[in-house]
Amino acid sequence: MRTNVAIGLAAALAAAPIQARAENGQVAAGILGGLAAGALIGSAVRPAPPPPPAYYYPAPAYAPPPPAYVPAPSCYYAPGAPVWDSFRGMWVRPQVQVCE
């Protein structure tokens, strides 16, 4: 394919020698035309890209159920039975924690 293009291009250039003149923006038109032709030929010649990788969802995994909610015990402090405090020399009522 590439050799056919090269041979055809060489034959076209060698067959008709003409004098080159650039007037009224013909240089810009030639540059833009050459870029457009190069882009078309380049995109036609380039190999096809590889297919994108296939992505799959992961397999489902077993997860144990969340732990059941167990409310914390309700606790409070209440005055206890009187106790003799020998350090202070008096009867005191200590605070006792009561949980239900």
PDB file of N, CA and C in Angstrom:
ATOM      1  N   MET A   1       0.830  -1.182   0.000  1.00  0.00           N
ATOM      2  CA  MET A   1       0.000   0.000   0.000  1.00  0.00           C
ATOM      3  C   MET A   1       0.876   1.248   0.000  1.00  0.00           C
ATOM      4  N   ARG A   2       1.889   1.251   0.864  1.00  0.00           N
ATOM      5  CA  ARG A   2       2.752   2.429   0.956  1.00  0.00           C
ATOM      6  C   ARG A   2       3.611   2.599  -0.293  1.00  0.00           C
ATOM      7  N   THR A   3       4.031   1.495  -0.869  1.00  0.00           N
ATOM      8  CA  THR A   3       4.868   1.599  -2.074  1.00  0.00           C
ATOM      9  C   THR A   3       4.047   2.139  -3.242  1.00  0.00           C
ATOM     10  N   ASN A   4       2.773   1.760  -3.331  1.00  0.00           N
ATOM     11  CA  ASN A   4       1.912   2.271  -4.404  1.00  0.00           C
ATOM     12  C   ASN A   4       1.744   3.780  -4.281  1.00  0.00           C
ATOM     13  N   VAL A   5       1.575   4.260  -3.045  1.00  0.00           N
ATOM     14  CA  VAL A   5       1.418   5.695  -2.825  1.00  0.00           C
ATOM     15  C   VAL A   5       2.700   6.427  -3.193  1.00  0.00           C
ATOM     16  N   ALA A   6       3.828   5.877  -2.810  1.00  0.00           N
ATOM     17  CA  ALA A   6       5.113   6.512  -3.103  1.00  0.00           C
ATOM     18  C   ALA A   6       5.379   6.549  -4.607  1.00  0.00           C
ATOM     19  N   ILE A   7       5.076   5.468  -5.307  1.00  0.00           N
ATOM     20  CA  ILE A   7       5.292   5.417  -6.751  1.00  0.00           C
ATOM     21  C   ILE A   7       4.365   6.402  -7.465  1.00  0.00           C
ATOM     22  N   GLY A   8       3.117   6.454  -7.054  1.00  0.00           N
ATOM     23  CA  GLY A   8       2.169   7.385  -7.668  1.00  0.00           C
ATOM     24  C   GLY A   8       2.554   8.828  -7.428  1.00  0.00           C
ATOM     25  N   LEU A   9       3.029   9.131  -6.235  1.00  0.00           N
ATOM     26  CA  LEU A   9       3.456  10.495  -5.920  1.00  0.00           C
ATOM     27  C   LEU A   9       4.689  10.885  -6.723  1.00  0.00           C
ATOM     28  N   ALA A  10       5.628   9.985  -6.828  1.00  0.00           N
ATOM     29  CA  ALA A  10       6.841  10.268  -7.603  1.00  0.00           C
ATOM     30  C   ALA A  10       6.509  10.473  -9.076  1.00  0.00           C
ATOM     31  N   ALA A  11       5.599   9.675  -9.617  1.00  0.00           N
ATOM     32  CA  ALA A  11       5.211   9.803 -11.021  1.00  0.00           C
ATOM     33  C   ALA A  11       4.485  11.122 -11.275  1.00  0.00           C
ATOM     34  N   ALA A  12       3.645  11.524 -10.343  1.00  0.00           N
ATOM     35  CA  ALA A  12       2.909  12.776 -10.511  1.00  0.00           C
ATOM     36  C   ALA A  12       3.847  13.976 -10.459  1.00  0.00           C
ATOM     37  N   LEU A  13       4.860  13.921  -9.615  1.00  0.00           N
ATOM     38  CA  LEU A  13       5.792  15.036  -9.514  1.00  0.00           C
ATOM     39  C   LEU A  13       6.752  15.093 -10.690  1.00  0.00           C
ATOM     40  N   ALA A  14       7.125  13.963 -11.201  1.00  0.00           N
ATOM     41  CA  ALA A  14       8.096  13.919 -12.291  1.00  0.00           C
ATOM     42  C   ALA A  14       7.442  14.166 -13.651  1.00  0.00           C
ATOM     43  N   ALA A  15       6.171  13.892 -13.799  1.00  0.00           N
ATOM     44  CA  ALA A  15       5.512  13.968 -15.102  1.00  0.00           C
ATOM     45  C   ALA A  15       5.294  15.398 -15.578  1.00  0.00           C
ATOM     46  N   ALA A  16       4.966  16.297 -14.711  1.00  0.00           N
ATOM     47  CA  ALA A  16       4.606  17.646 -15.146  1.00  0.00           C
ATOM     48  C   ALA A  16       5.438  18.680 -14.423  1.00  0.00           C
ATOM     49  N   PRO A  17       6.637  19.012 -14.924  1.00  0.00           N
ATOM     50  CA  PRO A  17       7.411  20.060 -14.278  1.00  0.00           C
ATOM     51  C   PRO A  17       6.818  21.429 -14.628  1.00  0.00           C
ATOM     52  N   ILE A  18       6.425  22.158 -13.633  1.00  0.00           N
ATOM     53  CA  ILE A  18       5.864  23.483 -13.835  1.00  0.00           C
ATOM     54  C   ILE A  18       6.611  24.466 -12.958  1.00  0.00           C
ATOM     55  N   GLN A  19       6.480  25.737 -13.304  1.00  0.00           N
ATOM     56  CA  GLN A  19       7.122  26.765 -12.517  1.00  0.00           C
ATOM     57  C   GLN A  19       6.242  27.099 -11.325  1.00  0.00           C
ATOM     58  N   ALA A  20       6.849  27.200 -10.150  1.00  0.00           N
ATOM     59  CA  ALA A  20       6.088  27.461  -8.924  1.00  0.00           C
ATOM     60  C   ALA A  20       6.005  28.952  -8.669  1.00  0.00           C
ATOM     61  N   ARG A  21       4.783  29.449  -8.440  1.00  0.00           N
ATOM     62  CA  ARG A  21       4.563  30.836  -8.071  1.00  0.00           C
ATOM     63  C   ARG A  21       3.543  30.837  -6.937  1.00  0.00           C
ATOM     64  N   ALA A  22       3.762  31.672  -5.959  1.00  0.00           N
ATOM     65  CA  ALA A  22       2.836  31.774  -4.829  1.00  0.00           C
ATOM     66  C   ALA A  22       2.257  33.172  -4.810  1.00  0.00           C
ATOM     67  N   GLU A  23       0.987  33.278  -5.176  1.00  0.00           N
ATOM     68  CA  GLU A  23       0.308  34.564  -5.183  1.00  0.00           C
ATOM     69  C   GLU A  23      -1.050  34.426  -4.505  1.00  0.00           C
ATOM     70  N   ASN A  24      -1.491  35.485  -3.853  1.00  0.00           N
ATOM     71  CA  ASN A  24      -2.828  35.586  -3.265  1.00  0.00           C
ATOM     72  C   ASN A  24      -3.142  34.466  -2.264  1.00  0.00           C
ATOM     73  N   GLY A  25      -2.227  34.166  -1.384  1.00  0.00           N
ATOM     74  CA  GLY A  25      -2.488  33.183  -0.320  1.00  0.00           C
ATOM     75  C   GLY A  25      -2.390  31.751  -0.759  1.00  0.00           C
ATOM     76  N   GLN A  26      -1.744  31.478  -1.869  1.00  0.00           N
ATOM     77  CA  GLN A  26      -1.637  30.103  -2.339  1.00  0.00           C
ATOM     78  C   GLN A  26      -0.689  29.282  -1.460  1.00  0.00           C
ATOM     79  N   VAL A  27       0.263  29.948  -0.810  1.00  0.00           N
ATOM     80  CA  VAL A  27       1.169  29.225   0.091  1.00  0.00           C
ATOM     81  C   VAL A  27       0.386  28.699   1.294  1.00  0.00           C
ATOM     82  N   ALA A  28      -0.453  29.557   1.857  1.00  0.00           N
ATOM     83  CA  ALA A  28      -1.252  29.135   3.015  1.00  0.00           C
ATOM     84  C   ALA A  28      -2.202  28.014   2.630  1.00  0.00           C
ATOM     85  N   ALA A  29      -2.815  28.122   1.448  1.00  0.00           N
ATOM     86  CA  ALA A  29      -3.723  27.061   0.995  1.00  0.00           C
ATOM     87  C   ALA A  29      -2.961  25.758   0.786  1.00  0.00           C
ATOM     88  N   GLY A  30      -1.756  25.847   0.281  1.00  0.00           N
ATOM     89  CA  GLY A  30      -0.957  24.640   0.077  1.00  0.00           C
ATOM     90  C   GLY A  30      -0.556  23.987   1.393  1.00  0.00           C
ATOM     91  N   ILE A  31      -0.182  24.830   2.356  1.00  0.00           N
ATOM     92  CA  ILE A  31       0.201  24.278   3.670  1.00  0.00           C
ATOM     93  C   ILE A  31      -1.000  23.619   4.339  1.00  0.00           C
ATOM     94  N   LEU A  32      -2.152  24.310   4.325  1.00  0.00           N
ATOM     95  CA  LEU A  32      -3.345  23.730   4.953  1.00  0.00           C
ATOM     96  C   LEU A  32      -3.807  22.475   4.222  1.00  0.00           C
ATOM     97  N   GLY A  33      -3.755  22.489   2.906  1.00  0.00           N
ATOM     98  CA  GLY A  33      -4.129  21.295   2.146  1.00  0.00           C
ATOM     99  C   GLY A  33      -3.193  20.136   2.421  1.00  0.00           C
ATOM    100  N   GLY A  34      -1.904  20.442   2.523  1.00  0.00           N
ATOM    101  CA  GLY A  34      -0.931  19.386   2.826  1.00  0.00           C
ATOM    102  C   GLY A  34      -1.136  18.799   4.212  1.00  0.00           C
ATOM    103  N   LEU A  35      -1.435  19.665   5.173  1.00  0.00           N
ATOM    104  CA  LEU A  35      -1.706  19.157   6.531  1.00  0.00           C
ATOM    105  C   LEU A  35      -2.964  18.297   6.556  1.00  0.00           C
ATOM    106  N   ALA A  36      -4.014  18.739   5.854  1.00  0.00           N
ATOM    107  CA  ALA A  36      -5.253  17.966   5.819  1.00  0.00           C
ATOM    108  C   ALA A  36      -5.032  16.622   5.128  1.00  0.00           C
ATOM    109  N   ALA A  37      -4.324  16.622   4.004  1.00  0.00           N
ATOM    110  CA  ALA A  37      -4.055  15.363   3.303  1.00  0.00           C
ATOM    111  C   ALA A  37      -3.185  14.444   4.151  1.00  0.00           C
ATOM    112  N   GLY A  38      -2.205  15.013   4.842  1.00  0.00           N
ATOM    113  CA  GLY A  38      -1.364  14.192   5.719  1.00  0.00           C
ATOM    114  C   GLY A  38      -2.146  13.583   6.861  1.00  0.00           C
ATOM    115  N   ALA A  39      -3.087  14.351   7.403  1.00  0.00           N
ATOM    116  CA  ALA A  39      -3.901  13.803   8.493  1.00  0.00           C
ATOM    117  C   ALA A  39      -4.789  12.673   7.990  1.00  0.00           C
ATOM    118  N   LEU A  40      -5.380  12.851   6.822  1.00  0.00           N
ATOM    119  CA  LEU A  40      -6.239  11.791   6.279  1.00  0.00           C
ATOM    120  C   LEU A  40      -5.437  10.540   5.950  1.00  0.00           C
ATOM    121  N   ILE A  41      -4.311  10.709   5.306  1.00  0.00           N
ATOM    122  CA  ILE A  41      -3.493   9.546   4.946  1.00  0.00           C
ATOM    123  C   ILE A  41      -2.924   8.880   6.204  1.00  0.00           C
ATOM    124  N   GLY A  42      -2.494   9.698   7.153  1.00  0.00           N
ATOM    125  CA  GLY A  42      -1.939   9.128   8.388  1.00  0.00           C
ATOM    126  C   GLY A  42      -2.969   8.348   9.188  1.00  0.00           C
ATOM    127  N   SER A  43      -4.204   8.861   9.243  1.00  0.00           N
ATOM    128  CA  SER A  43      -5.230   8.132   9.990  1.00  0.00           C
ATOM    129  C   SER A  43      -5.665   6.869   9.257  1.00  0.00           C
ATOM    130  N   ALA A  44      -5.564   6.848   7.941  1.00  0.00           N
ATOM    131  CA  ALA A  44      -5.921   5.646   7.188  1.00  0.00           C
ATOM    132  C   ALA A  44      -4.851   4.568   7.320  1.00  0.00           C
ATOM    133  N   VAL A  45      -3.600   4.964   7.494  1.00  0.00           N
ATOM    134  CA  VAL A  45      -2.498   4.002   7.532  1.00  0.00           C
ATOM    135  C   VAL A  45      -2.265   3.445   8.927  1.00  0.00           C
ATOM    136  N   ARG A  46      -2.594   4.185   9.949  1.00  0.00           N
ATOM    137  CA  ARG A  46      -2.253   3.762  11.314  1.00  0.00           C
ATOM    138  C   ARG A  46      -3.017   2.504  11.709  1.00  0.00           C
ATOM    139  N   PRO A  47      -2.411   1.640  12.523  1.00  0.00           N
ATOM    140  CA  PRO A  47      -3.089   0.401  12.932  1.00  0.00           C
ATOM    141  C   PRO A  47      -4.209   0.702  13.918  1.00  0.00           C
ATOM    142  N   ALA A  48      -5.149  -0.213  13.986  1.00  0.00           N
ATOM    143  CA  ALA A  48      -6.292  -0.051  14.888  1.00  0.00           C
ATOM    144  C   ALA A  48      -5.826  -0.186  16.331  1.00  0.00           C
ATOM    145  N   PRO A  49      -6.404   0.602  17.248  1.00  0.00           N
ATOM    146  CA  PRO A  49      -6.003   0.495  18.659  1.00  0.00           C
ATOM    147  C   PRO A  49      -6.526  -0.808  19.260  1.00  0.00           C
ATOM    148  N   PRO A  50      -5.885  -1.297  20.308  1.00  0.00           N
ATOM    149  CA  PRO A  50      -6.367  -2.532  20.940  1.00  0.00           C
ATOM    150  C   PRO A  50      -7.711  -2.282  21.622  1.00  0.00           C
ATOM    151  N   PRO A  51      -8.514  -3.305  21.774  1.00  0.00           N
ATOM    152  CA  PRO A  51      -9.818  -3.114  22.423  1.00  0.00           C
ATOM    153  C   PRO A  51      -9.620  -2.755  23.896  1.00  0.00           C
ATOM    154  N   PRO A  52     -10.543  -2.008  24.460  1.00  0.00           N
ATOM    155  CA  PRO A  52     -10.406  -1.645  25.877  1.00  0.00           C
ATOM    156  C   PRO A  52     -10.564  -2.882  26.763  1.00  0.00           C
ATOM    157  N   PRO A  53      -9.950  -2.876  27.932  1.00  0.00           N
ATOM    158  CA  PRO A  53     -10.073  -4.048  28.816  1.00  0.00           C
ATOM    159  C   PRO A  53     -11.500  -4.189  29.329  1.00  0.00           C
ATOM    160  N   ALA A  54     -11.911  -5.404  29.544  1.00  0.00           N
ATOM    161  CA  ALA A  54     -13.256  -5.672  30.051  1.00  0.00           C
ATOM    162  C   ALA A  54     -13.223  -5.645  31.574  1.00  0.00           C
ATOM    163  N   TYR A  55     -14.148  -4.931  32.151  1.00  0.00           N
ATOM    164  CA  TYR A  55     -14.247  -4.855  33.605  1.00  0.00           C
ATOM    165  C   TYR A  55     -15.507  -5.574  34.054  1.00  0.00           C
ATOM    166  N   TYR A  56     -15.378  -6.355  35.098  1.00  0.00           N
ATOM    167  CA  TYR A  56     -16.503  -7.099  35.634  1.00  0.00           C
ATOM    168  C   TYR A  56     -16.701  -6.713  37.093  1.00  0.00           C
ATOM    169  N   TYR A  57     -17.929  -6.826  37.544  1.00  0.00           N
ATOM    170  CA  TYR A  57     -18.202  -6.607  38.959  1.00  0.00           C
ATOM    171  C   TYR A  57     -17.577  -7.747  39.761  1.00  0.00           C
ATOM    172  N   PRO A  58     -17.058  -7.471  40.958  1.00  0.00           N
ATOM    173  CA  PRO A  58     -16.496  -8.569  41.758  1.00  0.00           C
ATOM    174  C   PRO A  58     -17.613  -9.486  42.252  1.00  0.00           C
ATOM    175  N   ALA A  59     -17.226 -10.709  42.533  1.00  0.00           N
ATOM    176  CA  ALA A  59     -18.195 -11.677  43.035  1.00  0.00           C
ATOM    177  C   ALA A  59     -18.702 -11.239  44.407  1.00  0.00           C
ATOM    178  N   PRO A  60     -19.970 -11.492  44.702  1.00  0.00           N
ATOM    179  CA  PRO A  60     -20.474 -11.088  46.024  1.00  0.00           C
ATOM    180  C   PRO A  60     -19.768 -11.871  47.131  1.00  0.00           C
ATOM    181  N   ALA A  61     -19.463 -11.220  48.189  1.00  0.00           N
ATOM    182  CA  ALA A  61     -18.783 -11.849  49.318  1.00  0.00           C
ATOM    183  C   ALA A  61     -19.732 -11.883  50.510  1.00  0.00           C
ATOM    184  N   TYR A  62     -19.587 -12.906  51.327  1.00  0.00           N
ATOM    185  CA  TYR A  62     -20.437 -13.022  52.499  1.00  0.00           C
ATOM    186  C   TYR A  62     -19.911 -12.108  53.588  1.00  0.00           C
ATOM    187  N   ALA A  63     -20.800 -11.375  54.179  1.00  0.00           N
ATOM    188  CA  ALA A  63     -20.452 -10.531  55.314  1.00  0.00           C
ATOM    189  C   ALA A  63     -21.419 -10.865  56.445  1.00  0.00           C
ATOM    190  N   PRO A  64     -20.906 -11.090  57.633  1.00  0.00           N
ATOM    191  CA  PRO A  64     -21.819 -11.415  58.728  1.00  0.00           C
ATOM    192  C   PRO A  64     -22.707 -10.216  59.051  1.00  0.00           C
ATOM    193  N   PRO A  65     -23.881 -10.475  59.581  1.00  0.00           N
ATOM    194  CA  PRO A  65     -24.775  -9.369  59.911  1.00  0.00           C
ATOM    195  C   PRO A  65     -24.169  -8.504  61.016  1.00  0.00           C
ATOM    196  N   PRO A  66     -24.529  -7.250  61.069  1.00  0.00           N
ATOM    197  CA  PRO A  66     -23.982  -6.391  62.119  1.00  0.00           C
ATOM    198  C   PRO A  66     -24.474  -6.848  63.491  1.00  0.00           C
ATOM    199  N   PRO A  67     -23.714  -6.566  64.522  1.00  0.00           N
ATOM    200  CA  PRO A  67     -24.136  -7.005  65.855  1.00  0.00           C
ATOM    201  C   PRO A  67     -25.431  -6.301  66.274  1.00  0.00           C
ATOM    202  N   ALA A  68     -26.216  -7.030  67.035  1.00  0.00           N
ATOM    203  CA  ALA A  68     -27.485  -6.484  67.517  1.00  0.00           C
ATOM    204  C   ALA A  68     -27.205  -5.418  68.576  1.00  0.00           C
ATOM    205  N   TYR A  69     -28.037  -4.415  68.599  1.00  0.00           N
ATOM    206  CA  TYR A  69     -27.863  -3.333  69.565  1.00  0.00           C
ATOM    207  C   TYR A  69     -28.362  -3.786  70.930  1.00  0.00           C
ATOM    208  N   VAL A  70     -27.480  -3.707  71.898  1.00  0.00           N
ATOM    209  CA  VAL A  70     -27.846  -4.017  73.279  1.00  0.00           C
ATOM    210  C   VAL A  70     -27.668  -2.733  74.066  1.00  0.00           C
ATOM    211  N   PRO A  71     -28.743  -2.199  74.613  1.00  0.00           N
ATOM    212  CA  PRO A  71     -28.600  -0.933  75.334  1.00  0.00           C
ATOM    213  C   PRO A  71     -27.727  -1.106  76.579  1.00  0.00           C
ATOM    214  N   ALA A  72     -26.983  -0.078  76.859  1.00  0.00           N
ATOM    215  CA  ALA A  72     -26.129  -0.106  78.039  1.00  0.00           C
ATOM    216  C   ALA A  72     -27.010  -0.114  79.290  1.00  0.00           C
ATOM    217  N   PRO A  73     -26.540  -0.773  80.332  1.00  0.00           N
ATOM    218  CA  PRO A  73     -27.358  -0.798  81.553  1.00  0.00           C
ATOM    219  C   PRO A  73     -27.480   0.616  82.125  1.00  0.00           C
ATOM    220  N   SER A  74     -28.646   0.895  82.634  1.00  0.00           N
ATOM    221  CA  SER A  74     -28.842   2.216  83.240  1.00  0.00           C
ATOM    222  C   SER A  74     -28.371   2.142  84.697  1.00  0.00           C
ATOM    223  N   CYS A  75     -27.383   2.946  84.998  1.00  0.00           N
ATOM    224  CA  CYS A  75     -26.805   2.955  86.337  1.00  0.00           C
ATOM    225  C   CYS A  75     -26.971   4.340  86.960  1.00  0.00           C
ATOM    226  N   TYR A  76     -27.053   4.359  88.269  1.00  0.00           N
ATOM    227  CA  TYR A  76     -27.110   5.635  88.981  1.00  0.00           C
ATOM    228  C   TYR A  76     -26.457   5.433  90.345  1.00  0.00           C
ATOM    229  N   TYR A  77     -26.125   6.542  90.991  1.00  0.00           N
ATOM    230  CA  TYR A  77     -25.510   6.511  92.317  1.00  0.00           C
ATOM    231  C   TYR A  77     -26.561   6.879  93.361  1.00  0.00           C
ATOM    232  N   ALA A  78     -26.549   6.117  94.451  1.00  0.00           N
ATOM    233  CA  ALA A  78     -27.494   6.369  95.551  1.00  0.00           C
ATOM    234  C   ALA A  78     -26.709   6.353  96.865  1.00  0.00           C
ATOM    235  N   PRO A  79     -27.179   7.049  97.873  1.00  0.00           N
ATOM    236  CA  PRO A  79     -26.477   6.999  99.164  1.00  0.00           C
ATOM    237  C   PRO A  79     -26.596   5.606  99.787  1.00  0.00           C
ATOM    238  N   GLY A  80     -25.465   5.103 100.295  1.00  0.00           N
ATOM    239  CA  GLY A  80     -25.442   3.772 100.900  1.00  0.00           C
ATOM    240  C   GLY A  80     -25.732   3.830 102.401  1.00  0.00           C
ATOM    241  N   ALA A  81     -25.530   2.696 103.022  1.00  0.00           N
ATOM    242  CA  ALA A  81     -25.756   2.606 104.475  1.00  0.00           C
ATOM    243  C   ALA A  81     -24.642   3.362 105.201  1.00  0.00           C
ATOM    244  N   PRO A  82     -24.921   3.948 106.327  1.00  0.00           N
ATOM    245  CA  PRO A  82     -23.899   4.685 107.083  1.00  0.00           C
ATOM    246  C   PRO A  82     -22.750   3.761 107.511  1.00  0.00           C
ATOM    247  N   VAL A  83     -21.522   4.299 107.394  1.00  0.00           N
ATOM    248  CA  VAL A  83     -20.309   3.560 107.740  1.00  0.00           C
ATOM    249  C   VAL A  83     -19.448   4.483 108.600  1.00  0.00           C
ATOM    250  N   TRP A  84     -18.818   3.888 109.668  1.00  0.00           N
ATOM    251  CA  TRP A  84     -17.935   4.672 110.532  1.00  0.00           C
ATOM    252  C   TRP A  84     -16.600   4.875 109.828  1.00  0.00           C
ATOM    253  N   ASP A  85     -16.174   6.157 109.704  1.00  0.00           N
ATOM    254  CA  ASP A  85     -14.886   6.491 109.110  1.00  0.00           C
ATOM    255  C   ASP A  85     -13.948   6.822 110.251  1.00  0.00           C
ATOM    256  N   SER A  86     -13.003   5.912 110.545  1.00  0.00           N
ATOM    257  CA  SER A  86     -12.117   6.109 111.699  1.00  0.00           C
ATOM    258  C   SER A  86     -11.074   7.190 111.417  1.00  0.00           C
ATOM    259  N   PHE A  87     -10.773   7.493 110.178  1.00  0.00           N
ATOM    260  CA  PHE A  87      -9.800   8.530 109.872  1.00  0.00           C
ATOM    261  C   PHE A  87     -10.375   9.900 110.221  1.00  0.00           C
ATOM    262  N   ARG A  88     -11.626  10.087 109.812  1.00  0.00           N
ATOM    263  CA  ARG A  88     -12.263  11.378 110.114  1.00  0.00           C
ATOM    264  C   ARG A  88     -12.948  11.382 111.474  1.00  0.00           C
ATOM    265  N   GLY A  89     -13.248  10.204 111.980  1.00  0.00           N
ATOM    266  CA  GLY A  89     -13.918  10.112 113.266  1.00  0.00           C
ATOM    267  C   GLY A  89     -15.394  10.459 113.179  1.00  0.00           C
ATOM    268  N   MET A  90     -16.071   9.994 112.135  1.00  0.00           N
ATOM    269  CA  MET A  90     -17.492  10.309 111.988  1.00  0.00           C
ATOM    270  C   MET A  90     -18.166   9.266 111.111  1.00  0.00           C
ATOM    271  N   TRP A  91     -19.499   9.267 111.165  1.00  0.00           N
ATOM    272  CA  TRP A  91     -20.272   8.386 110.296  1.00  0.00           C
ATOM    273  C   TRP A  91     -20.428   9.049 108.920  1.00  0.00           C
ATOM    274  N   VAL A  92     -20.235   8.256 107.834  1.00  0.00           N
ATOM    275  CA  VAL A  92     -20.403   8.777 106.470  1.00  0.00           C
ATOM    276  C   VAL A  92     -21.336   7.856 105.699  1.00  0.00           C
ATOM    277  N   ARG A  93     -21.980   8.439 104.661  1.00  0.00           N
ATOM    278  CA  ARG A  93     -22.849   7.640 103.765  1.00  0.00           C
ATOM    279  C   ARG A  93     -22.173   7.609 102.383  1.00  0.00           C
ATOM    280  N   PRO A  94     -21.497   6.512 102.049  1.00  0.00           N
ATOM    281  CA  PRO A  94     -20.804   6.451 100.764  1.00  0.00           C
ATOM    282  C   PRO A  94     -21.810   6.383  99.596  1.00  0.00           C
ATOM    283  N   GLN A  95     -21.349   6.824  98.420  1.00  0.00           N
ATOM    284  CA  GLN A  95     -22.165   6.706  97.217  1.00  0.00           C
ATOM    285  C   GLN A  95     -22.021   5.290  96.671  1.00  0.00           C
ATOM    286  N   VAL A  96     -23.124   4.655  96.353  1.00  0.00           N
ATOM    287  CA  VAL A  96     -23.142   3.284  95.843  1.00  0.00           C
ATOM    288  C   VAL A  96     -23.740   3.298  94.446  1.00  0.00           C
ATOM    289  N   GLN A  97     -23.071   2.623  93.516  1.00  0.00           N
ATOM    290  CA  GLN A  97     -23.585   2.554  92.136  1.00  0.00           C
ATOM    291  C   GLN A  97     -24.612   1.443  92.045  1.00  0.00           C
ATOM    292  N   VAL A  98     -25.792   1.791  91.531  1.00  0.00           N
ATOM    293  CA  VAL A  98     -26.881   0.838  91.385  1.00  0.00           C
ATOM    294  C   VAL A  98     -27.177   0.708  89.895  1.00  0.00           C
ATOM    295  N   CYS A  99     -27.073  -0.512  89.344  1.00  0.00           N
ATOM    296  CA  CYS A  99     -27.350  -0.759  87.930  1.00  0.00           C
ATOM    297  C   CYS A  99     -28.536  -1.706  87.818  1.00  0.00           C
ATOM    298  N   GLU A 100     -29.414  -1.409  86.897  1.00  0.00           N
ATOM    299  CA  GLU A 100     -30.592  -2.266  86.708  1.00  0.00           C
ATOM    300  C   GLU A 100     -30.548  -2.915  85.360  1.00  0.00           C
TER     301      GLU A 100
END
